[in-house]
Protein backbone atom coordinates (compact mmCIF):
# COMPACT_ATOMS: atom_id res chain seq x y z
CA MET A 1 0.11 0.03 -0.02
CA PRO A 2 1.67 3.38 -1.08
CA LYS A 3 2.27 5.74 1.85
CA LEU A 4 1.72 9.37 1.92
CA ARG A 5 5.05 11.34 1.71
CA ILE A 6 4.73 15.08 2.26
CA LYS A 7 7.29 17.16 0.58
CA ARG A 8 8.40 20.73 1.74
CA GLY A 9 6.44 23.46 0.07
CA GLU A 10 3.77 20.92 -1.15
CA GLY A 11 0.37 22.72 -0.84
CA ALA A 12 -2.75 21.25 0.55
CA ALA A 13 -4.21 20.40 -2.82
CA GLY A 14 -1.37 18.15 -3.67
CA LEU A 15 -1.70 16.22 -0.29
CA ILE A 16 -5.44 15.80 -0.97
CA GLU A 17 -4.61 14.32 -4.35
CA LYS A 18 -2.15 12.02 -3.08
CA ALA A 19 -4.75 10.88 -0.38
CA SER A 20 -7.34 10.10 -2.94
CA VAL A 21 -4.81 7.97 -4.99
CA ILE A 22 -3.85 6.16 -1.86
CA ALA A 23 -7.40 5.48 -1.05
CA ASP A 24 -8.33 4.05 -4.59
CA ALA A 25 -5.45 1.78 -4.42
CA ARG A 26 -6.56 0.47 -1.19
CA HIS A 27 -10.18 -0.01 -2.22
CA LYS A 28 -9.14 -1.88 -5.35
CA SER A 29 -6.92 -4.39 -3.31
CA GLU A 30 -9.82 -5.00 -0.90
CA ILE A 31 -12.10 -5.59 -3.83
CA ARG A 32 -9.76 -8.21 -5.48
CA ALA A 33 -9.29 -9.95 -2.29
CA LEU A 34 -13.10 -10.07 -1.75
CA ARG A 35 -13.73 -11.47 -5.16
CA ARG A 36 -10.95 -14.30 -4.73
CA THR A 37 -12.89 -15.09 -1.49
CA VAL A 38 -16.11 -15.28 -3.30
CA GLN A 39 -14.82 -17.57 -6.09
CA ASP A 40 -13.25 -19.86 -3.36
CA LEU A 41 -16.62 -20.02 -1.54
CA THR A 42 -18.61 -20.84 -4.61
CA ARG A 43 -16.31 -23.66 -5.71
CA GLN A 44 -16.54 -24.78 -2.26
CA ALA A 45 -20.34 -24.66 -2.36
CA THR A 46 -20.45 -26.32 -5.80
CA ALA A 47 -18.41 -29.24 -4.69
CA ASP A 48 -20.39 -29.65 -1.42
CA HIS A 49 -23.63 -29.56 -3.58
CA ASN A 50 -22.34 -32.30 -6.03
CA ARG A 51 -21.18 -34.51 -3.14
CA SER A 52 -24.66 -34.16 -1.46
CA GLU A 53 -26.45 -35.13 -4.72
CA VAL A 54 -24.09 -38.05 -5.10
CA VAL A 55 -24.73 -39.33 -1.64
CA ALA A 56 -28.46 -38.79 -2.05
CA ALA A 57 -28.29 -40.81 -5.23
CA LEU A 58 -26.42 -43.56 -3.54
CA LYS A 59 -28.91 -43.57 -0.68
CA ALA A 60 -32.00 -43.57 -2.96
CA ARG A 61 -33.51 -46.87 -4.39
CA PRO A 62 -31.84 -47.44 -7.77
CA ARG A 63 -34.26 -47.50 -10.81
CA ARG A 64 -34.32 -50.33 -13.15
CA PRO A 65 -33.31 -49.38 -16.78
CA VAL A 66 -36.14 -49.36 -19.22
CA PRO A 67 -35.47 -52.29 -21.76
CA LEU A 68 -35.35 -51.44 -25.41
CA ARG A 69 -38.12 -53.01 -27.43
CA TYR A 70 -37.06 -54.57 -30.81
CA LYS A 71 -39.57 -53.72 -33.44
CA LYS A 72 -39.53 -56.07 -36.26
CA ASN A 73 -39.66 -54.48 -39.67
CA LEU A 74 -42.57 -55.97 -41.52
CA HIS A 75 -41.15 -54.40 -44.74
CA ARG A 76 -38.10 -56.55 -45.50
CA ARG A 77 -35.90 -55.76 -48.44
CA VAL A 78 -35.10 -58.47 -51.03
CA ALA A 79 -31.50 -60.04 -50.98
CA THR A 80 -29.96 -62.73 -52.99
CA PRO A 81 -27.11 -64.80 -51.37
CA VAL A 82 -23.90 -65.54 -53.38
CA ILE A 83 -21.79 -68.72 -52.63
CA LEU A 84 -18.31 -68.80 -54.18
CA CYS A 85 -17.18 -72.48 -54.92
CA SER A 86 -13.70 -72.70 -55.94
CA ASP A 87 -10.52 -74.63 -55.52
CA TRP A 88 -11.87 -77.79 -54.18
CA HIS A 89 -9.10 -80.26 -55.74
CA VAL A 90 -11.25 -83.12 -54.75
CA GLY A 91 -8.68 -85.66 -56.00
CA GLU A 92 -5.51 -84.18 -54.41
CA ARG A 93 -4.07 -85.90 -51.44
CA VAL A 94 -2.53 -84.13 -48.43
CA ARG A 95 -0.76 -86.07 -45.78
CA ALA A 96 -0.62 -84.62 -42.32
CA ASP A 97 3.10 -85.47 -42.11
CA LYS A 98 3.81 -83.16 -45.19
CA VAL A 99 2.17 -80.15 -43.74
CA ASN A 100 3.20 -80.20 -40.05
CA GLY A 101 -0.08 -81.87 -39.05
CA THR A 102 -2.25 -78.91 -39.91
CA ASN A 103 -4.47 -80.76 -42.55
CA HIS A 104 -5.42 -84.07 -43.88
CA TYR A 105 -7.19 -84.35 -47.26
CA ASP A 106 -8.51 -86.97 -49.70
CA GLN A 107 -11.61 -87.62 -51.73
CA HIS A 108 -13.45 -88.65 -48.54
CA GLU A 109 -12.54 -85.58 -46.70
CA ALA A 110 -13.59 -83.58 -49.88
CA ALA A 111 -17.07 -85.09 -49.69
CA HIS A 112 -17.27 -84.46 -46.13
CA ARG A 113 -16.43 -80.73 -46.44
CA ALA A 114 -18.74 -80.25 -49.57
CA HIS A 115 -21.55 -81.64 -47.56
CA ARG A 116 -20.56 -79.26 -44.77
CA LEU A 117 -20.60 -76.45 -47.20
CA ALA A 118 -24.17 -77.30 -48.33
CA THR A 119 -25.37 -77.43 -44.69
CA ALA A 120 -23.75 -74.08 -43.90
CA LEU A 121 -25.34 -72.40 -46.97
CA LEU A 122 -28.86 -73.52 -45.77
CA TRP A 123 -28.12 -72.26 -42.29
CA LEU A 124 -26.88 -68.95 -43.52
CA ASN A 125 -29.86 -68.32 -45.80
CA ASP A 126 -32.24 -69.32 -43.17
CA HIS A 127 -30.48 -66.91 -40.71
CA HIS A 128 -30.63 -63.91 -43.13
CA ARG A 129 -34.37 -64.60 -43.92
CA ASN A 130 -34.87 -63.04 -40.49
CA GLY A 131 -34.03 -59.71 -42.11
CA PHE A 132 -34.40 -60.08 -45.81
CA GLU A 133 -36.68 -61.85 -48.26
CA ILE A 134 -34.68 -64.51 -50.16
CA ARG A 135 -36.14 -66.04 -53.18
CA GLU A 136 -32.96 -66.50 -55.42
CA GLN A 137 -29.46 -67.86 -54.84
CA VAL A 138 -26.39 -67.51 -56.95
CA VAL A 139 -23.88 -70.27 -57.06
CA TRP A 140 -20.22 -69.56 -58.53
CA LEU A 141 -18.34 -72.82 -59.90
CA GLY A 142 -14.96 -71.00 -60.12
CA GLY A 143 -12.69 -73.51 -61.35
CA ASP A 144 -9.97 -75.85 -59.96
CA LEU A 145 -12.54 -78.08 -58.54
CA ILE A 146 -10.39 -80.76 -59.73
CA THR A 147 -6.64 -81.02 -59.37
CA GLY A 148 -5.92 -83.09 -62.68
CA PHE A 149 -2.38 -83.98 -63.54
CA LEU A 150 -1.06 -80.28 -63.95
CA HIS A 151 2.27 -81.24 -62.23
CA PRO A 152 4.08 -84.41 -62.42
CA ASP A 153 4.05 -85.07 -58.74
CA GLN A 154 0.19 -84.94 -58.77
CA ALA A 155 0.12 -87.90 -61.25
CA GLN A 156 1.90 -89.75 -58.49
CA SER A 157 0.08 -88.56 -55.38
CA ASN A 158 -3.58 -87.73 -56.17
CA THR A 159 -5.97 -90.40 -55.09
CA LEU A 160 -8.22 -89.83 -58.15
CA PRO A 161 -7.40 -89.29 -61.80
CA PRO A 162 -9.05 -86.33 -63.62
CA ASN A 163 -12.15 -88.43 -65.06
CA LYS A 164 -12.96 -89.60 -61.61
CA GLU A 165 -12.42 -86.41 -60.03
CA VAL A 166 -15.23 -85.01 -62.51
CA LEU A 167 -17.58 -87.72 -61.49
CA LEU A 168 -17.03 -86.97 -57.88
CA VAL A 169 -17.48 -83.10 -58.39
CA GLN A 170 -20.48 -83.76 -60.38
CA ASP A 171 -22.18 -85.56 -57.53
CA LEU A 172 -21.00 -83.07 -54.85
CA VAL A 173 -22.36 -80.04 -56.89
CA GLY A 174 -25.72 -81.87 -57.33
CA HIS A 175 -26.00 -82.24 -53.65
CA LEU A 176 -25.28 -78.63 -53.13
CA LEU A 177 -27.76 -77.57 -55.85
CA ASP A 178 -30.53 -79.96 -54.52
CA SER A 179 -30.08 -78.74 -50.95
CA VAL A 180 -30.80 -75.20 -52.16
CA LEU A 181 -33.52 -76.12 -54.12
CA SER A 182 -35.16 -77.88 -51.15
CA MET A 183 -35.34 -74.52 -49.35
CA PRO A 184 -39.11 -73.16 -48.93
CA GLY A 185 -39.57 -70.33 -51.17
CA MET A 186 -36.59 -70.83 -53.41
CA GLU A 187 -37.64 -69.73 -56.88
CA ARG A 188 -34.34 -69.48 -58.88
CA VAL A 189 -30.66 -70.77 -58.70
CA THR A 190 -28.28 -69.16 -61.14
CA VAL A 191 -25.24 -71.21 -61.51
CA VAL A 192 -22.12 -69.17 -63.01
CA CYS A 193 -19.25 -71.28 -64.14
CA ASN A 194 -15.67 -70.47 -64.76
CA TYR A 195 -12.99 -73.02 -65.66
CA GLY A 196 -9.48 -73.11 -63.82
CA ASN A 197 -6.13 -73.71 -64.72
CA HIS A 198 -5.74 -77.31 -62.95
CA GLY A 199 -8.44 -78.87 -65.02
CA ARG A 200 -6.86 -78.39 -68.50
CA THR A 201 -5.94 -81.41 -70.84
CA THR A 202 -2.70 -79.78 -72.14
CA PRO A 203 0.50 -79.28 -70.28
CA LYS A 204 0.58 -75.43 -70.81
CA PRO A 205 -2.25 -72.98 -70.58
CA GLN A 206 -4.49 -72.34 -73.85
CA ILE A 207 -5.55 -68.97 -73.99
CA ALA A 208 -7.80 -68.80 -77.04
CA THR A 209 -8.96 -72.64 -76.66
CA GLY A 210 -9.05 -72.79 -72.67
CA ALA A 211 -12.71 -73.96 -72.60
CA GLU A 212 -12.29 -76.38 -75.24
CA ASN A 213 -9.30 -78.07 -73.41
CA SER A 214 -10.75 -77.92 -69.98
CA PHE A 215 -12.27 -80.91 -68.15
CA GLU A 216 -14.29 -78.56 -66.05
CA TRP A 217 -16.06 -76.88 -68.95
CA LEU A 218 -17.38 -80.28 -69.91
CA LEU A 219 -18.23 -81.01 -66.31
CA TYR A 220 -20.37 -77.88 -66.15
CA HIS A 221 -22.21 -78.82 -69.34
CA GLN A 222 -23.04 -82.32 -67.75
CA ILE A 223 -24.29 -80.79 -64.79
CA ALA A 224 -26.47 -78.36 -66.62
CA ARG A 225 -27.94 -81.34 -68.69
CA ASN A 226 -28.86 -83.04 -65.34
CA TYR A 227 -31.04 -79.91 -64.42
CA ALA A 228 -32.44 -79.18 -67.98
CA LYS A 229 -35.97 -80.03 -66.87
CA ASP A 230 -35.99 -77.96 -63.82
CA ASN A 231 -36.74 -74.47 -65.06
CA ARG A 232 -35.71 -73.08 -61.49
CA VAL A 233 -31.99 -73.67 -62.25
CA VAL A 234 -30.14 -71.30 -64.86
CA PHE A 235 -26.57 -72.18 -66.01
CA GLN A 236 -24.29 -69.41 -67.31
CA ILE A 237 -21.16 -71.30 -68.53
CA ALA A 238 -18.01 -68.99 -69.53
CA ASN A 239 -16.38 -69.85 -72.71
CA GLY A 240 -13.51 -67.27 -71.90
CA GLU A 241 -11.89 -65.93 -68.96
CA PHE A 242 -14.75 -63.67 -67.59
CA SER A 243 -18.29 -63.93 -66.71
CA ARG A 244 -20.83 -61.15 -65.78
CA LEU A 245 -24.07 -61.43 -64.10
CA ARG A 246 -26.60 -58.50 -62.89
CA VAL A 247 -28.15 -59.13 -59.62
CA HIS A 248 -30.84 -56.45 -58.63
CA ARG A 249 -28.79 -53.24 -59.11
CA THR A 250 -25.37 -54.75 -58.72
CA ASP A 251 -23.15 -55.96 -61.66
CA LEU A 252 -21.11 -59.05 -60.44
CA GLY A 253 -17.91 -60.21 -62.30
CA PHE A 254 -16.28 -63.58 -62.12
CA THR A 255 -12.91 -64.94 -63.16
CA HIS A 256 -10.95 -67.82 -61.86
CA GLY A 257 -7.87 -65.47 -61.26
CA ASP A 258 -5.04 -67.40 -62.60
CA ALA A 259 -4.25 -64.45 -65.20
CA ILE A 260 -3.07 -62.62 -62.36
CA LYS A 261 0.86 -63.08 -61.55
CA TYR A 262 1.81 -62.86 -58.04
CA GLY A 263 5.32 -63.83 -57.01
CA GLY A 264 5.07 -63.24 -53.26
CA GLY A 265 5.60 -59.77 -53.12
CA VAL A 266 5.55 -57.66 -49.82
CA GLY A 267 2.37 -56.09 -50.64
CA GLY A 268 0.38 -59.54 -50.99
CA VAL A 269 -1.85 -60.58 -53.55
CA MET A 270 -3.98 -57.53 -53.35
CA VAL A 271 -1.42 -55.35 -55.15
CA PRO A 272 -1.59 -57.15 -58.44
CA VAL A 273 -5.40 -57.57 -57.84
CA MET A 274 -6.10 -53.84 -57.48
CA ARG A 275 -3.81 -53.22 -60.45
CA ALA A 276 -5.99 -55.90 -62.52
CA LEU A 277 -9.41 -54.31 -61.59
CA PRO A 278 -9.21 -51.24 -64.02
CA ARG A 279 -8.18 -53.67 -66.77
CA TRP A 280 -11.20 -55.79 -66.07
CA ASP A 281 -13.50 -53.05 -65.87
CA SER A 282 -12.40 -51.94 -69.35
CA TYR A 283 -14.16 -55.11 -70.53
CA GLY A 284 -17.32 -54.50 -68.67
CA ALA A 285 -17.38 -52.42 -65.29
CA CYS A 286 -18.41 -54.53 -62.36
CA ASP A 287 -19.47 -53.41 -58.87
CA MET A 288 -18.14 -56.49 -57.33
CA TRP A 289 -15.45 -58.95 -58.68
CA ASN A 290 -15.13 -62.48 -57.54
CA MET A 291 -12.24 -64.78 -57.95
CA GLY A 292 -10.29 -67.69 -56.48
CA HIS A 293 -6.92 -69.48 -57.46
CA PHE A 294 -4.70 -68.01 -54.58
CA HIS A 295 -6.47 -69.90 -51.63
CA TRP A 296 -6.70 -66.72 -49.77
CA TYR A 297 -9.86 -65.20 -48.42
CA HIS A 298 -10.14 -61.45 -48.73
CA SER A 299 -13.26 -59.25 -48.72
CA LEU A 300 -12.86 -55.72 -50.08
CA PRO A 301 -15.37 -53.21 -51.35
CA ARG A 302 -14.89 -54.14 -55.16
CA VAL A 303 -13.39 -57.72 -54.88
CA THR A 304 -14.05 -60.93 -52.84
CA ILE A 305 -11.12 -63.46 -53.29
CA ASN A 306 -12.20 -66.92 -52.37
CA SER A 307 -10.45 -69.29 -50.20
CA SER A 308 -10.03 -73.12 -50.89
CA MET A 309 -11.78 -76.36 -49.73
CA ILE A 310 -8.49 -78.18 -49.65
CA GLY A 311 -6.81 -76.03 -47.20
CA VAL A 312 -3.11 -76.09 -46.43
CA SER A 313 -1.04 -78.22 -49.00
CA PRO A 314 2.62 -78.64 -49.55
CA TYR A 315 2.34 -76.37 -52.69
CA GLY A 316 0.29 -73.81 -50.57
CA MET A 317 2.99 -73.79 -48.00
CA ARG A 318 5.57 -73.12 -50.60
CA VAL A 319 3.66 -70.00 -51.92
CA GLY A 320 2.72 -69.04 -48.39
CA SER A 321 -0.97 -69.95 -48.25
CA ASN A 322 -1.92 -71.37 -44.95
CA GLU A 323 -5.55 -70.71 -44.47
CA PRO A 324 -7.99 -73.10 -43.14
CA PRO A 325 -10.45 -74.52 -45.57
CA SER A 326 -13.26 -72.30 -46.33
CA GLN A 327 -15.37 -70.86 -49.03
CA ALA A 328 -16.77 -67.19 -49.19
CA TYR A 329 -20.44 -66.05 -48.91
CA TYR A 330 -22.08 -62.74 -49.07
CA LEU A 331 -25.66 -61.10 -49.82
CA VAL A 332 -26.60 -58.68 -52.64
CA ASP A 333 -29.00 -56.23 -50.97
CA SER A 334 -31.62 -55.11 -53.68
CA GLU A 335 -31.10 -51.52 -52.65
CA ARG A 336 -27.40 -51.21 -51.00
CA GLY A 337 -25.70 -53.97 -52.99
CA PRO A 338 -23.08 -56.51 -51.53
CA CYS A 339 -22.85 -57.08 -47.75
CA HIS A 340 -22.67 -59.45 -45.08
CA ASN A 341 -19.57 -61.17 -46.63
CA THR A 342 -18.22 -64.13 -44.68
CA ALA A 343 -15.97 -67.12 -44.64
CA VAL A 344 -17.79 -70.46 -44.47
CA TRP A 345 -15.46 -72.75 -42.34
CA LEU A 346 -15.43 -76.34 -43.51
CA ALA A 347 -12.82 -78.25 -41.44
CA GLY A 348 -13.95 -80.26 -38.43
CA GLY A 349 -17.35 -81.36 -37.39
CA LYS A 350 -18.81 -85.00 -37.34
CA LYS A 351 -18.71 -87.10 -40.34
């Protein structure tokens, strides 16, 4: 606080002015102190009030939360399920001691897993019928359902030759289609077919005459003849590399995928796949592309890569494919397009 100092010769007016300045400074200091006191008291009162409310709430009888009531939407949109069937390799043998005990596969295990796939497909369709109206099914037969004698060691180790593989696949696909047709309200099954690279009759790939040199192309036509009298089943068998199908408002593209070259790069298989999409779109743009060949399940907004039914194999270990056996499944919503993409697990279970 400033003190009043009187200088010699200073008049009364100067003394009064100095006294006034000192009084103002004293008042401002007192006001600041009072404001700090008020703020402290206010904070303390607020804290006391909050504590009292918490104590009162703890002492009070707790209220039961009101449960949310689910209102079922009576207006269900239409959806079409898509099941991707590729890379079954039904005649190939996988010995457990060749793959560190992670897998065992032969024609009997192939039949078991194919039947599990049919059972799982019915379960998934029935599950999604709680929210969608399902009247149609798309089944993709995407190639490499048989192994054939593409490599010399397969001629030595396979449990079935190519012609017997074809007969087994015909029975297994027939069981799958009959299972779908047995669902109540199923009005149409569209079977889209692409041949793979394993089922060919020639040592090297035939680009222009791939269909004419494919066991699988012949297999698809034979299965189509078995359902020729059932107007609910429609086959679309590709004579070239690509197939295209429009489901509701969504354009689906299908190809086996062996035209993509992947040498095990750091970016994974998705790098060459994403580079291939613009080229594929130049032949006819699609909202969702579907492929197999690499035995890896991937689900992206514009491409679904199918896994395999054979699972881990010696060749798969060499190229880095170690996924358990599965196949891809998703829905095509009539208004929103592809959704609910999932892998269907095939290993294990009772035989």
